[in-house]
Amino acid sequence: MDGRLSQLQASAFHDEALKERLLESRREKDPMAAFCAIAEEYGIKITPFELASLGEESCAMMLRSQNGGGEIEPMGWSDDYELFFLSLGVK
């Protein structure tokens, strides 16, 4: 997980109000923008685009590094945004 998300996760574990706000952000019209706005209030700057693409670049490099390009996505290809919520206990 990205260091910024790890920092926000640690804060959410210790601040129930922050945790609730982050969970509520999923119900907003633009959930990623709402999530990023809350993160910025806590000094963590991340854009919705960055949030959506976390982990994608390294996995894409792994696929390109194979002769002719890979066909099977690497183990560990994940959506850090969704993993963040899973870490908070949301299913």
PDB file of N, CA and C in Angstrom:
ATOM      1  N   MET A   1       0.852  -1.177   0.000  1.00  0.00           N
ATOM      2  CA  MET A   1       0.000   0.000   0.000  1.00  0.00           C
ATOM      3  C   MET A   1       0.894   1.235   0.000  1.00  0.00           C
ATOM      4  N   ASP A   2       0.463   2.231  -0.697  1.00  0.00           N
ATOM      5  CA  ASP A   2       1.168   3.507  -0.784  1.00  0.00           C
ATOM      6  C   ASP A   2       1.384   4.084   0.621  1.00  0.00           C
ATOM      7  N   GLY A   3       2.528   4.743   0.820  1.00  0.00           N
ATOM      8  CA  GLY A   3       2.852   5.315   2.125  1.00  0.00           C
ATOM      9  C   GLY A   3       1.828   6.317   2.612  1.00  0.00           C
ATOM     10  N   ARG A   4       1.252   7.068   1.690  1.00  0.00           N
ATOM     11  CA  ARG A   4       0.239   8.053   2.100  1.00  0.00           C
ATOM     12  C   ARG A   4      -0.998   7.362   2.642  1.00  0.00           C
ATOM     13  N   LEU A   5      -1.397   6.271   1.988  1.00  0.00           N
ATOM     14  CA  LEU A   5      -2.561   5.531   2.474  1.00  0.00           C
ATOM     15  C   LEU A   5      -2.260   4.847   3.803  1.00  0.00           C
ATOM     16  N   SER A   6      -1.042   4.370   3.951  1.00  0.00           N
ATOM     17  CA  SER A   6      -0.644   3.746   5.219  1.00  0.00           C
ATOM     18  C   SER A   6      -0.701   4.757   6.355  1.00  0.00           C
ATOM     19  N   GLN A   7      -0.269   5.971   6.072  1.00  0.00           N
ATOM     20  CA  GLN A   7      -0.311   7.040   7.074  1.00  0.00           C
ATOM     21  C   GLN A   7      -1.759   7.366   7.440  1.00  0.00           C
ATOM     22  N   LEU A   8      -2.615   7.474   6.437  1.00  0.00           N
ATOM     23  CA  LEU A   8      -4.020   7.768   6.680  1.00  0.00           C
ATOM     24  C   LEU A   8      -4.688   6.611   7.428  1.00  0.00           C
ATOM     25  N   GLN A   9      -4.325   5.396   7.071  1.00  0.00           N
ATOM     26  CA  GLN A   9      -4.859   4.210   7.738  1.00  0.00           C
ATOM     27  C   GLN A   9      -4.503   4.234   9.226  1.00  0.00           C
ATOM     28  N   ALA A  10      -3.246   4.525   9.531  1.00  0.00           N
ATOM     29  CA  ALA A  10      -2.814   4.585  10.928  1.00  0.00           C
ATOM     30  C   ALA A  10      -3.596   5.650  11.692  1.00  0.00           C
ATOM     31  N   SER A  11      -3.818   6.786  11.051  1.00  0.00           N
ATOM     32  CA  SER A  11      -4.602   7.850  11.692  1.00  0.00           C
ATOM     33  C   SER A  11      -6.035   7.395  11.929  1.00  0.00           C
ATOM     34  N   ALA A  12      -6.619   6.700  10.950  1.00  0.00           N
ATOM     35  CA  ALA A  12      -8.009   6.238  11.070  1.00  0.00           C
ATOM     36  C   ALA A  12      -8.162   5.192  12.174  1.00  0.00           C
ATOM     37  N   PHE A  13      -7.139   4.386  12.399  1.00  0.00           N
ATOM     38  CA  PHE A  13      -7.200   3.388  13.471  1.00  0.00           C
ATOM     39  C   PHE A  13      -7.249   4.052  14.845  1.00  0.00           C
ATOM     40  N   HIS A  14      -6.661   5.252  14.950  1.00  0.00           N
ATOM     41  CA  HIS A  14      -6.606   5.941  16.238  1.00  0.00           C
ATOM     42  C   HIS A  14      -7.648   7.051  16.380  1.00  0.00           C
ATOM     43  N   ASP A  15      -8.339   7.364  15.307  1.00  0.00           N
ATOM     44  CA  ASP A  15      -9.309   8.468  15.312  1.00  0.00           C
ATOM     45  C   ASP A  15     -10.620   7.961  14.715  1.00  0.00           C
ATOM     46  N   GLU A  16     -11.543   7.610  15.592  1.00  0.00           N
ATOM     47  CA  GLU A  16     -12.812   7.028  15.152  1.00  0.00           C
ATOM     48  C   GLU A  16     -13.610   7.981  14.267  1.00  0.00           C
ATOM     49  N   ALA A  17     -13.533   9.281  14.533  1.00  0.00           N
ATOM     50  CA  ALA A  17     -14.258  10.259  13.712  1.00  0.00           C
ATOM     51  C   ALA A  17     -13.710  10.263  12.285  1.00  0.00           C
ATOM     52  N   LEU A  18     -12.398  10.208  12.146  1.00  0.00           N
ATOM     53  CA  LEU A  18     -11.787  10.144  10.817  1.00  0.00           C
ATOM     54  C   LEU A  18     -12.210   8.871  10.109  1.00  0.00           C
ATOM     55  N   LYS A  19     -12.159   7.770  10.807  1.00  0.00           N
ATOM     56  CA  LYS A  19     -12.557   6.489  10.219  1.00  0.00           C
ATOM     57  C   LYS A  19     -13.986   6.565   9.686  1.00  0.00           C
ATOM     58  N   GLU A  20     -14.892   7.109  10.482  1.00  0.00           N
ATOM     59  CA  GLU A  20     -16.289   7.227  10.059  1.00  0.00           C
ATOM     60  C   GLU A  20     -16.433   8.139   8.849  1.00  0.00           C
ATOM     61  N   ARG A  21     -15.706   9.239   8.827  1.00  0.00           N
ATOM     62  CA  ARG A  21     -15.774  10.157   7.678  1.00  0.00           C
ATOM     63  C   ARG A  21     -15.288   9.468   6.408  1.00  0.00           C
ATOM     64  N   LEU A  22     -14.191   8.718   6.531  1.00  0.00           N
ATOM     65  CA  LEU A  22     -13.665   8.005   5.364  1.00  0.00           C
ATOM     66  C   LEU A  22     -14.661   6.960   4.882  1.00  0.00           C
ATOM     67  N   LEU A  23     -15.274   6.252   5.800  1.00  0.00           N
ATOM     68  CA  LEU A  23     -16.268   5.252   5.416  1.00  0.00           C
ATOM     69  C   LEU A  23     -17.473   5.917   4.754  1.00  0.00           C
ATOM     70  N   GLU A  24     -17.891   7.038   5.277  1.00  0.00           N
ATOM     71  CA  GLU A  24     -19.024   7.779   4.701  1.00  0.00           C
ATOM     72  C   GLU A  24     -18.697   8.321   3.306  1.00  0.00           C
ATOM     73  N   SER A  25     -17.427   8.579   3.038  1.00  0.00           N
ATOM     74  CA  SER A  25     -17.039   9.124   1.733  1.00  0.00           C
ATOM     75  C   SER A  25     -17.444   8.188   0.598  1.00  0.00           C
ATOM     76  N   ARG A  26     -17.591   6.915   0.895  1.00  0.00           N
ATOM     77  CA  ARG A  26     -17.971   5.936  -0.136  1.00  0.00           C
ATOM     78  C   ARG A  26     -19.396   6.153  -0.631  1.00  0.00           C
ATOM     79  N   ARG A  27     -20.194   6.909   0.122  1.00  0.00           N
ATOM     80  CA  ARG A  27     -21.586   7.161  -0.260  1.00  0.00           C
ATOM     81  C   ARG A  27     -21.769   8.471  -1.024  1.00  0.00           C
ATOM     82  N   GLU A  28     -20.691   9.217  -1.171  1.00  0.00           N
ATOM     83  CA  GLU A  28     -20.751  10.499  -1.883  1.00  0.00           C
ATOM     84  C   GLU A  28     -20.930  10.279  -3.386  1.00  0.00           C
ATOM     85  N   LYS A  29     -21.357  11.330  -4.069  1.00  0.00           N
ATOM     86  CA  LYS A  29     -21.527  11.260  -5.523  1.00  0.00           C
ATOM     87  C   LYS A  29     -20.196  10.923  -6.203  1.00  0.00           C
ATOM     88  N   ASP A  30     -19.102  11.511  -5.716  1.00  0.00           N
ATOM     89  CA  ASP A  30     -17.756  11.230  -6.223  1.00  0.00           C
ATOM     90  C   ASP A  30     -16.923  10.751  -5.030  1.00  0.00           C
ATOM     91  N   PRO A  31     -16.979   9.450  -4.724  1.00  0.00           N
ATOM     92  CA  PRO A  31     -16.343   8.941  -3.510  1.00  0.00           C
ATOM     93  C   PRO A  31     -14.830   9.164  -3.443  1.00  0.00           C
ATOM     94  N   MET A  32     -14.144   9.034  -4.551  1.00  0.00           N
ATOM     95  CA  MET A  32     -12.691   9.216  -4.516  1.00  0.00           C
ATOM     96  C   MET A  32     -12.324  10.672  -4.244  1.00  0.00           C
ATOM     97  N   ALA A  33     -13.049  11.590  -4.827  1.00  0.00           N
ATOM     98  CA  ALA A  33     -12.781  13.013  -4.572  1.00  0.00           C
ATOM     99  C   ALA A  33     -13.053  13.347  -3.109  1.00  0.00           C
ATOM    100  N   ALA A  34     -14.129  12.802  -2.566  1.00  0.00           N
ATOM    101  CA  ALA A  34     -14.448  13.035  -1.154  1.00  0.00           C
ATOM    102  C   ALA A  34     -13.358  12.449  -0.255  1.00  0.00           C
ATOM    103  N   PHE A  35     -12.908  11.253  -0.580  1.00  0.00           N
ATOM    104  CA  PHE A  35     -11.841  10.587   0.174  1.00  0.00           C
ATOM    105  C   PHE A  35     -10.579  11.451   0.155  1.00  0.00           C
ATOM    106  N   CYS A  36     -10.214  11.929  -1.023  1.00  0.00           N
ATOM    107  CA  CYS A  36      -9.000  12.743  -1.172  1.00  0.00           C
ATOM    108  C   CYS A  36      -9.115  14.061  -0.420  1.00  0.00           C
ATOM    109  N   ALA A  37     -10.309  14.654  -0.388  1.00  0.00           N
ATOM    110  CA  ALA A  37     -10.510  15.912   0.336  1.00  0.00           C
ATOM    111  C   ALA A  37     -10.318  15.691   1.841  1.00  0.00           C
ATOM    112  N   ILE A  38     -10.816  14.583   2.351  1.00  0.00           N
ATOM    113  CA  ILE A  38     -10.639  14.267   3.769  1.00  0.00           C
ATOM    114  C   ILE A  38      -9.164  14.030   4.059  1.00  0.00           C
ATOM    115  N   ALA A  39      -8.501  13.271   3.201  1.00  0.00           N
ATOM    116  CA  ALA A  39      -7.074  12.999   3.387  1.00  0.00           C
ATOM    117  C   ALA A  39      -6.286  14.304   3.426  1.00  0.00           C
ATOM    118  N   GLU A  40      -6.627  15.235   2.543  1.00  0.00           N
ATOM    119  CA  GLU A  40      -5.907  16.512   2.496  1.00  0.00           C
ATOM    120  C   GLU A  40      -6.099  17.305   3.785  1.00  0.00           C
ATOM    121  N   GLU A  41      -7.274  17.203   4.397  1.00  0.00           N
ATOM    122  CA  GLU A  41      -7.503  17.870   5.690  1.00  0.00           C
ATOM    123  C   GLU A  41      -6.525  17.357   6.748  1.00  0.00           C
ATOM    124  N   TYR A  42      -6.065  16.139   6.576  1.00  0.00           N
ATOM    125  CA  TYR A  42      -5.133  15.519   7.515  1.00  0.00           C
ATOM    126  C   TYR A  42      -3.689  15.579   7.010  1.00  0.00           C
ATOM    127  N   GLY A  43      -3.451  16.445   6.024  1.00  0.00           N
ATOM    128  CA  GLY A  43      -2.102  16.691   5.538  1.00  0.00           C
ATOM    129  C   GLY A  43      -1.575  15.664   4.552  1.00  0.00           C
ATOM    130  N   ILE A  44      -2.469  14.852   4.015  1.00  0.00           N
ATOM    131  CA  ILE A  44      -2.054  13.823   3.061  1.00  0.00           C
ATOM    132  C   ILE A  44      -2.599  14.204   1.695  1.00  0.00           C
ATOM    133  N   LYS A  45      -1.705  14.617   0.821  1.00  0.00           N
ATOM    134  CA  LYS A  45      -2.122  15.071  -0.508  1.00  0.00           C
ATOM    135  C   LYS A  45      -2.099  13.910  -1.485  1.00  0.00           C
ATOM    136  N   ILE A  46      -3.274  13.618  -2.019  1.00  0.00           N
ATOM    137  CA  ILE A  46      -3.424  12.578  -3.027  1.00  0.00           C
ATOM    138  C   ILE A  46      -4.615  12.955  -3.893  1.00  0.00           C
ATOM    139  N   THR A  47      -4.456  12.796  -5.191  1.00  0.00           N
ATOM    140  CA  THR A  47      -5.547  13.137  -6.106  1.00  0.00           C
ATOM    141  C   THR A  47      -6.347  11.875  -6.426  1.00  0.00           C
ATOM    142  N   PRO A  48      -7.581  12.047  -6.888  1.00  0.00           N
ATOM    143  CA  PRO A  48      -8.361  10.866  -7.299  1.00  0.00           C
ATOM    144  C   PRO A  48      -7.641  10.037  -8.368  1.00  0.00           C
ATOM    145  N   PHE A  49      -6.942  10.716  -9.294  1.00  0.00           N
ATOM    146  CA  PHE A  49      -6.209   9.981 -10.328  1.00  0.00           C
ATOM    147  C   PHE A  49      -5.104   9.137  -9.702  1.00  0.00           C
ATOM    148  N   GLU A  50      -4.341   9.742  -8.780  1.00  0.00           N
ATOM    149  CA  GLU A  50      -3.278   8.987  -8.110  1.00  0.00           C
ATOM    150  C   GLU A  50      -3.854   7.811  -7.337  1.00  0.00           C
ATOM    151  N   LEU A  51      -4.954   8.055  -6.672  1.00  0.00           N
ATOM    152  CA  LEU A  51      -5.606   7.013  -5.884  1.00  0.00           C
ATOM    153  C   LEU A  51      -6.033   5.847  -6.765  1.00  0.00           C
ATOM    154  N   ALA A  52      -6.583   6.159  -7.921  1.00  0.00           N
ATOM    155  CA  ALA A  52      -7.051   5.114  -8.832  1.00  0.00           C
ATOM    156  C   ALA A  52      -5.910   4.334  -9.451  1.00  0.00           C
ATOM    157  N   SER A  53      -4.754   4.971  -9.594  1.00  0.00           N
ATOM    158  CA  SER A  53      -3.654   4.307 -10.294  1.00  0.00           C
ATOM    159  C   SER A  53      -2.597   3.705  -9.372  1.00  0.00           C
ATOM    160  N   LEU A  54      -2.800   3.772  -8.055  1.00  0.00           N
ATOM    161  CA  LEU A  54      -1.813   3.207  -7.129  1.00  0.00           C
ATOM    162  C   LEU A  54      -1.590   1.730  -7.428  1.00  0.00           C
ATOM    163  N   GLY A  55      -0.369   1.355  -7.523  1.00  0.00           N
ATOM    164  CA  GLY A  55      -0.012  -0.036  -7.776  1.00  0.00           C
ATOM    165  C   GLY A  55      -0.048  -0.437  -9.237  1.00  0.00           C
ATOM    166  N   GLU A  56      -0.775   0.304 -10.062  1.00  0.00           N
ATOM    167  CA  GLU A  56      -0.909  -0.060 -11.467  1.00  0.00           C
ATOM    168  C   GLU A  56       0.416   0.066 -12.217  1.00  0.00           C
ATOM    169  N   GLU A  57       1.175   1.116 -11.932  1.00  0.00           N
ATOM    170  CA  GLU A  57       2.416   1.353 -12.671  1.00  0.00           C
ATOM    171  C   GLU A  57       3.410   0.212 -12.473  1.00  0.00           C
ATOM    172  N   SER A  58       3.601  -0.228 -11.234  1.00  0.00           N
ATOM    173  CA  SER A  58       4.579  -1.299 -11.010  1.00  0.00           C
ATOM    174  C   SER A  58       4.115  -2.604 -11.632  1.00  0.00           C
ATOM    175  N   CYS A  59       2.832  -2.891 -11.590  1.00  0.00           N
ATOM    176  CA  CYS A  59       2.327  -4.113 -12.212  1.00  0.00           C
ATOM    177  C   CYS A  59       2.432  -4.031 -13.737  1.00  0.00           C
ATOM    178  N   ALA A  60       2.183  -2.860 -14.291  1.00  0.00           N
ATOM    179  CA  ALA A  60       2.297  -2.695 -15.740  1.00  0.00           C
ATOM    180  C   ALA A  60       3.741  -2.882 -16.181  1.00  0.00           C
ATOM    181  N   MET A  61       4.697  -2.404 -15.380  1.00  0.00           N
ATOM    182  CA  MET A  61       6.107  -2.598 -15.712  1.00  0.00           C
ATOM    183  C   MET A  61       6.465  -4.082 -15.686  1.00  0.00           C
ATOM    184  N   MET A  62       5.904  -4.822 -14.738  1.00  0.00           N
ATOM    185  CA  MET A  62       6.176  -6.262 -14.681  1.00  0.00           C
ATOM    186  C   MET A  62       5.646  -6.956 -15.927  1.00  0.00           C
ATOM    187  N   LEU A  63       4.478  -6.551 -16.385  1.00  0.00           N
ATOM    188  CA  LEU A  63       3.912  -7.154 -17.587  1.00  0.00           C
ATOM    189  C   LEU A  63       4.747  -6.816 -18.814  1.00  0.00           C
ATOM    190  N   ARG A  64       5.213  -5.573 -18.921  1.00  0.00           N
ATOM    191  CA  ARG A  64       6.007  -5.159 -20.070  1.00  0.00           C
ATOM    192  C   ARG A  64       7.389  -5.782 -20.068  1.00  0.00           C
ATOM    193  N   SER A  65       7.889  -6.172 -18.898  1.00  0.00           N
ATOM    194  CA  SER A  65       9.257  -6.669 -18.820  1.00  0.00           C
ATOM    195  C   SER A  65       9.411  -8.076 -19.380  1.00  0.00           C
ATOM    196  N   GLN A  66       8.316  -8.758 -19.637  1.00  0.00           N
ATOM    197  CA  GLN A  66       8.390 -10.105 -20.199  1.00  0.00           C
ATOM    198  C   GLN A  66       8.487 -10.014 -21.719  1.00  0.00           C
ATOM    199  N   ASN A  67       9.184 -10.969 -22.331  1.00  0.00           N
ATOM    200  CA  ASN A  67       9.293 -10.994 -23.789  1.00  0.00           C
ATOM    201  C   ASN A  67       7.906 -11.025 -24.410  1.00  0.00           C
ATOM    202  N   GLY A  68       7.629 -10.063 -25.231  1.00  0.00           N
ATOM    203  CA  GLY A  68       6.330 -10.009 -25.887  1.00  0.00           C
ATOM    204  C   GLY A  68       5.218  -9.524 -24.987  1.00  0.00           C
ATOM    205  N   GLY A  69       5.520  -9.199 -23.774  1.00  0.00           N
ATOM    206  CA  GLY A  69       4.503  -8.731 -22.835  1.00  0.00           C
ATOM    207  C   GLY A  69       3.834  -9.894 -22.143  1.00  0.00           C
ATOM    208  N   GLY A  70       3.473  -9.699 -20.920  1.00  0.00           N
ATOM    209  CA  GLY A  70       2.817 -10.749 -20.150  1.00  0.00           C
ATOM    210  C   GLY A  70       1.339 -10.844 -20.482  1.00  0.00           C
ATOM    211  N   GLU A  71       0.791 -11.975 -20.229  1.00  0.00           N
ATOM    212  CA  GLU A  71      -0.630 -12.180 -20.475  1.00  0.00           C
ATOM    213  C   GLU A  71      -1.409 -12.385 -19.188  1.00  0.00           C
ATOM    214  N   ILE A  72      -0.712 -12.786 -18.147  1.00  0.00           N
ATOM    215  CA  ILE A  72      -1.370 -13.060 -16.873  1.00  0.00           C
ATOM    216  C   ILE A  72      -0.976 -11.966 -15.895  1.00  0.00           C
ATOM    217  N   GLU A  73      -1.966 -11.391 -15.241  1.00  0.00           N
ATOM    218  CA  GLU A  73      -1.635 -10.332 -14.303  1.00  0.00           C
ATOM    219  C   GLU A  73      -0.832 -10.905 -13.144  1.00  0.00           C
ATOM    220  N   PRO A  74       0.152 -10.144 -12.671  1.00  0.00           N
ATOM    221  CA  PRO A  74       1.008 -10.622 -11.587  1.00  0.00           C
ATOM    222  C   PRO A  74       0.235 -10.781 -10.283  1.00  0.00           C
ATOM    223  N   MET A  75       0.704 -11.706  -9.456  1.00  0.00           N
ATOM    224  CA  MET A  75       0.139 -11.840  -8.116  1.00  0.00           C
ATOM    225  C   MET A  75       0.375 -10.525  -7.391  1.00  0.00           C
ATOM    226  N   GLY A  76      -0.569 -10.119  -6.600  1.00  0.00           N
ATOM    227  CA  GLY A  76      -0.415  -8.881  -5.859  1.00  0.00           C
ATOM    228  C   GLY A  76      -0.981  -7.676  -6.565  1.00  0.00           C
ATOM    229  N   TRP A  77      -1.494  -7.857  -7.796  1.00  0.00           N
ATOM    230  CA  TRP A  77      -2.125  -6.737  -8.483  1.00  0.00           C
ATOM    231  C   TRP A  77      -3.386  -6.428  -7.687  1.00  0.00           C
ATOM    232  N   SER A  78      -3.448  -5.265  -7.160  1.00  0.00           N
ATOM    233  CA  SER A  78      -4.562  -4.975  -6.271  1.00  0.00           C
ATOM    234  C   SER A  78      -4.996  -3.528  -6.394  1.00  0.00           C
ATOM    235  N   ASP A  79      -6.116  -3.267  -5.834  1.00  0.00           N
ATOM    236  CA  ASP A  79      -6.687  -1.933  -5.801  1.00  0.00           C
ATOM    237  C   ASP A  79      -6.457  -1.382  -4.394  1.00  0.00           C
ATOM    238  N   ASP A  80      -5.464  -0.527  -4.241  1.00  0.00           N
ATOM    239  CA  ASP A  80      -5.109  -0.026  -2.919  1.00  0.00           C
ATOM    240  C   ASP A  80      -6.261   0.721  -2.254  1.00  0.00           C
ATOM    241  N   TYR A  81      -7.080   1.383  -3.032  1.00  0.00           N
ATOM    242  CA  TYR A  81      -8.235   2.109  -2.487  1.00  0.00           C
ATOM    243  C   TYR A  81      -9.187   1.123  -1.809  1.00  0.00           C
ATOM    244  N   GLU A  82      -9.500   0.023  -2.468  1.00  0.00           N
ATOM    245  CA  GLU A  82     -10.391  -0.981  -1.875  1.00  0.00           C
ATOM    246  C   GLU A  82      -9.714  -1.696  -0.711  1.00  0.00           C
ATOM    247  N   LEU A  83      -8.420  -1.975  -0.845  1.00  0.00           N
ATOM    248  CA  LEU A  83      -7.695  -2.616   0.253  1.00  0.00           C
ATOM    249  C   LEU A  83      -7.679  -1.726   1.493  1.00  0.00           C
ATOM    250  N   PHE A  84      -7.626  -0.415   1.285  1.00  0.00           N
ATOM    251  CA  PHE A  84      -7.661   0.521   2.404  1.00  0.00           C
ATOM    252  C   PHE A  84      -8.939   0.303   3.224  1.00  0.00           C
ATOM    253  N   PHE A  85     -10.077   0.203   2.541  1.00  0.00           N
ATOM    254  CA  PHE A  85     -11.338   0.021   3.249  1.00  0.00           C
ATOM    255  C   PHE A  85     -11.435  -1.363   3.882  1.00  0.00           C
ATOM    256  N   LEU A  86     -10.898  -2.361   3.217  1.00  0.00           N
ATOM    257  CA  LEU A  86     -10.878  -3.707   3.808  1.00  0.00           C
ATOM    258  C   LEU A  86     -10.067  -3.701   5.099  1.00  0.00           C
ATOM    259  N   SER A  87      -8.989  -2.934   5.114  1.00  0.00           N
ATOM    260  CA  SER A  87      -8.146  -2.868   6.322  1.00  0.00           C
ATOM    261  C   SER A  87      -8.892  -2.226   7.488  1.00  0.00           C
ATOM    262  N   LEU A  88      -9.890  -1.398   7.184  1.00  0.00           N
ATOM    263  CA  LEU A  88     -10.696  -0.771   8.238  1.00  0.00           C
ATOM    264  C   LEU A  88     -11.830  -1.690   8.703  1.00  0.00           C
ATOM    265  N   GLY A  89     -11.928  -2.843   8.081  1.00  0.00           N
ATOM    266  CA  GLY A  89     -12.937  -3.813   8.495  1.00  0.00           C
ATOM    267  C   GLY A  89     -14.219  -3.770   7.688  1.00  0.00           C
ATOM    268  N   VAL A  90     -14.188  -3.097   6.545  1.00  0.00           N
ATOM    269  CA  VAL A  90     -15.363  -2.992   5.689  1.00  0.00           C
ATOM    270  C   VAL A  90     -15.331  -4.133   4.675  1.00  0.00           C
ATOM    271  N   LYS A  91     -16.464  -4.760   4.467  1.00  0.00           N
ATOM    272  CA  LYS A  91     -16.528  -5.857   3.497  1.00  0.00           C
ATOM    273  C   LYS A  91     -17.301  -5.447   2.289  1.00  0.00           C
TER     274      LYS A  91
END
